[in-house]
């Protein structure tokens, strides 16, 4: 059901955009401003949410292919010349 609703909304948005871009963008702005909850989250809830993310230990592969690729790419970039502002 949720997938149908999402698909239907996308079709409506496409139709609105094709018919009247100005209306479409103004409608998007209105929708962005609406807040789902009338209350701001509690300090404790915010701290709990972020502490779960930041306190979790994560291991990274030091010799990952992407890192090596990016390091080689960065070596080719010339240092920017100093300029006056």
C-alpha atoms as a PDB file:
ATOM      1  CA  UNK A   1       0.000   0.000   0.000  1.00  0.00           C
ATOM      2  CA  UNK A   2       2.824   2.382   0.875  1.00  0.00           C
ATOM      3  CA  UNK A   3       4.537   1.656  -2.430  1.00  0.00           C
ATOM      4  CA  UNK A   4       1.315   2.455  -4.287  1.00  0.00           C
ATOM      5  CA  UNK A   5       0.952   5.735  -2.392  1.00  0.00           C
ATOM      6  CA  UNK A   6       4.552   6.710  -3.147  1.00  0.00           C
ATOM      7  CA  UNK A   7       4.149   5.812  -6.803  1.00  0.00           C
ATOM      8  CA  UNK A   8       0.896   7.745  -7.036  1.00  0.00           C
ATOM      9  CA  UNK A   9       2.437  10.826  -5.396  1.00  0.00           C
ATOM     10  CA  UNK A  10       5.354  10.682  -7.840  1.00  0.00           C
ATOM     11  CA  UNK A  11       2.951  10.579 -10.785  1.00  0.00           C
ATOM     12  CA  UNK A  12       1.001  13.540  -9.394  1.00  0.00           C
ATOM     13  CA  UNK A  13       4.204  15.514  -8.880  1.00  0.00           C
ATOM     14  CA  UNK A  14       5.320  14.787 -12.434  1.00  0.00           C
ATOM     15  CA  UNK A  15       1.949  15.911 -13.774  1.00  0.00           C
ATOM     16  CA  UNK A  16       2.013  19.101 -11.664  1.00  0.00           C
ATOM     17  CA  UNK A  17       5.533  19.876 -12.821  1.00  0.00           C
ATOM     18  CA  UNK A  18       4.604  19.434 -16.480  1.00  0.00           C
ATOM     19  CA  UNK A  19       1.459  21.552 -16.166  1.00  0.00           C
ATOM     20  CA  UNK A  20       2.687  24.347 -13.906  1.00  0.00           C
ATOM     21  CA  UNK A  21       6.287  24.467 -12.640  1.00  0.00           C
ATOM     22  CA  UNK A  22       5.691  27.537 -10.481  1.00  0.00           C
ATOM     23  CA  UNK A  23       2.816  25.851  -8.643  1.00  0.00           C
ATOM     24  CA  UNK A  24       4.831  22.650  -8.268  1.00  0.00           C
ATOM     25  CA  UNK A  25       7.769  24.418  -6.587  1.00  0.00           C
ATOM     26  CA  UNK A  26       5.544  26.530  -4.345  1.00  0.00           C
ATOM     27  CA  UNK A  27       3.739  23.364  -3.254  1.00  0.00           C
ATOM     28  CA  UNK A  28       7.078  21.713  -2.466  1.00  0.00           C
ATOM     29  CA  UNK A  29       8.077  24.647  -0.272  1.00  0.00           C
ATOM     30  CA  UNK A  30       4.766  24.458   1.607  1.00  0.00           C
ATOM     31  CA  UNK A  31       5.195  20.742   2.209  1.00  0.00           C
ATOM     32  CA  UNK A  32       8.762  21.213   3.493  1.00  0.00           C
ATOM     33  CA  UNK A  33       7.643  23.731   6.104  1.00  0.00           C
ATOM     34  CA  UNK A  34       5.023  21.441   7.619  1.00  0.00           C
ATOM     35  CA  UNK A  35       6.335  19.712  10.723  1.00  0.00           C
ATOM     36  CA  UNK A  36       5.141  16.206  11.481  1.00  0.00           C
ATOM     37  CA  UNK A  37       5.197  16.692  15.209  1.00  0.00           C
ATOM     38  CA  UNK A  38       4.102  19.795  17.076  1.00  0.00           C
ATOM     39  CA  UNK A  39       6.706  19.167  19.774  1.00  0.00           C
ATOM     40  CA  UNK A  40      10.467  19.462  19.528  1.00  0.00           C
ATOM     41  CA  UNK A  41      12.326  16.327  20.585  1.00  0.00           C
ATOM     42  CA  UNK A  42      13.467  16.125  24.189  1.00  0.00           C
ATOM     43  CA  UNK A  43      17.113  16.713  25.011  1.00  0.00           C
ATOM     44  CA  UNK A  44      17.458  13.159  26.325  1.00  0.00           C
ATOM     45  CA  UNK A  45      16.076  11.693  23.095  1.00  0.00           C
ATOM     46  CA  UNK A  46      18.530  13.701  21.003  1.00  0.00           C
ATOM     47  CA  UNK A  47      21.477  12.712  23.189  1.00  0.00           C
ATOM     48  CA  UNK A  48      20.451   9.054  23.070  1.00  0.00           C
ATOM     49  CA  UNK A  49      20.107   9.099  19.275  1.00  0.00           C
ATOM     50  CA  UNK A  50      23.502  10.685  18.637  1.00  0.00           C
ATOM     51  CA  UNK A  51      25.353   8.769  21.359  1.00  0.00           C
ATOM     52  CA  UNK A  52      24.314   5.498  19.700  1.00  0.00           C
ATOM     53  CA  UNK A  53      25.912   6.663  16.463  1.00  0.00           C
ATOM     54  CA  UNK A  54      29.075   8.239  17.831  1.00  0.00           C
ATOM     55  CA  UNK A  55      29.981   5.715  20.523  1.00  0.00           C
ATOM     56  CA  UNK A  56      29.757   2.694  18.241  1.00  0.00           C
ATOM     57  CA  UNK A  57      33.222   1.426  17.330  1.00  0.00           C
ATOM     58  CA  UNK A  58      33.796   0.797  13.648  1.00  0.00           C
ATOM     59  CA  UNK A  59      36.645  -0.990  11.899  1.00  0.00           C
ATOM     60  CA  UNK A  60      37.774   0.195   8.479  1.00  0.00           C
ATOM     61  CA  UNK A  61      39.929  -1.581   5.958  1.00  0.00           C
ATOM     62  CA  UNK A  62      43.134   0.448   5.855  1.00  0.00           C
ATOM     63  CA  UNK A  63      44.301  -1.011   2.543  1.00  0.00           C
ATOM     64  CA  UNK A  64      40.978  -0.715   0.723  1.00  0.00           C
ATOM     65  CA  UNK A  65      41.260  -0.346  -3.040  1.00  0.00           C
ATOM     66  CA  UNK A  66      39.219   2.860  -3.042  1.00  0.00           C
ATOM     67  CA  UNK A  67      41.541   4.528  -0.514  1.00  0.00           C
ATOM     68  CA  UNK A  68      44.598   3.661  -2.582  1.00  0.00           C
ATOM     69  CA  UNK A  69      42.876   4.926  -5.723  1.00  0.00           C
ATOM     70  CA  UNK A  70      41.970   8.226  -4.061  1.00  0.00           C
ATOM     71  CA  UNK A  71      45.505   8.660  -2.693  1.00  0.00           C
ATOM     72  CA  UNK A  72      46.994   8.182  -6.179  1.00  0.00           C
ATOM     73  CA  UNK A  73      44.460  10.632  -7.574  1.00  0.00           C
ATOM     74  CA  UNK A  74      45.256  13.205  -4.861  1.00  0.00           C
ATOM     75  CA  UNK A  75      48.981  12.984  -5.628  1.00  0.00           C
ATOM     76  CA  UNK A  76      48.297  14.195  -9.184  1.00  0.00           C
ATOM     77  CA  UNK A  77      46.510  17.343  -8.021  1.00  0.00           C
ATOM     78  CA  UNK A  78      48.739  20.382  -8.154  1.00  0.00           C
ATOM     79  CA  UNK A  79      48.926  22.594  -5.110  1.00  0.00           C
ATOM     80  CA  UNK A  80      46.942  25.763  -5.504  1.00  0.00           C
ATOM     81  CA  UNK A  81      49.014  28.885  -6.038  1.00  0.00           C
ATOM     82  CA  UNK A  82      48.816  31.528  -3.362  1.00  0.00           C
ATOM     83  CA  UNK A  83      46.796  34.540  -4.422  1.00  0.00           C
ATOM     84  CA  UNK A  84      45.918  37.908  -3.025  1.00  0.00           C
ATOM     85  CA  UNK A  85      42.390  38.748  -2.082  1.00  0.00           C
END
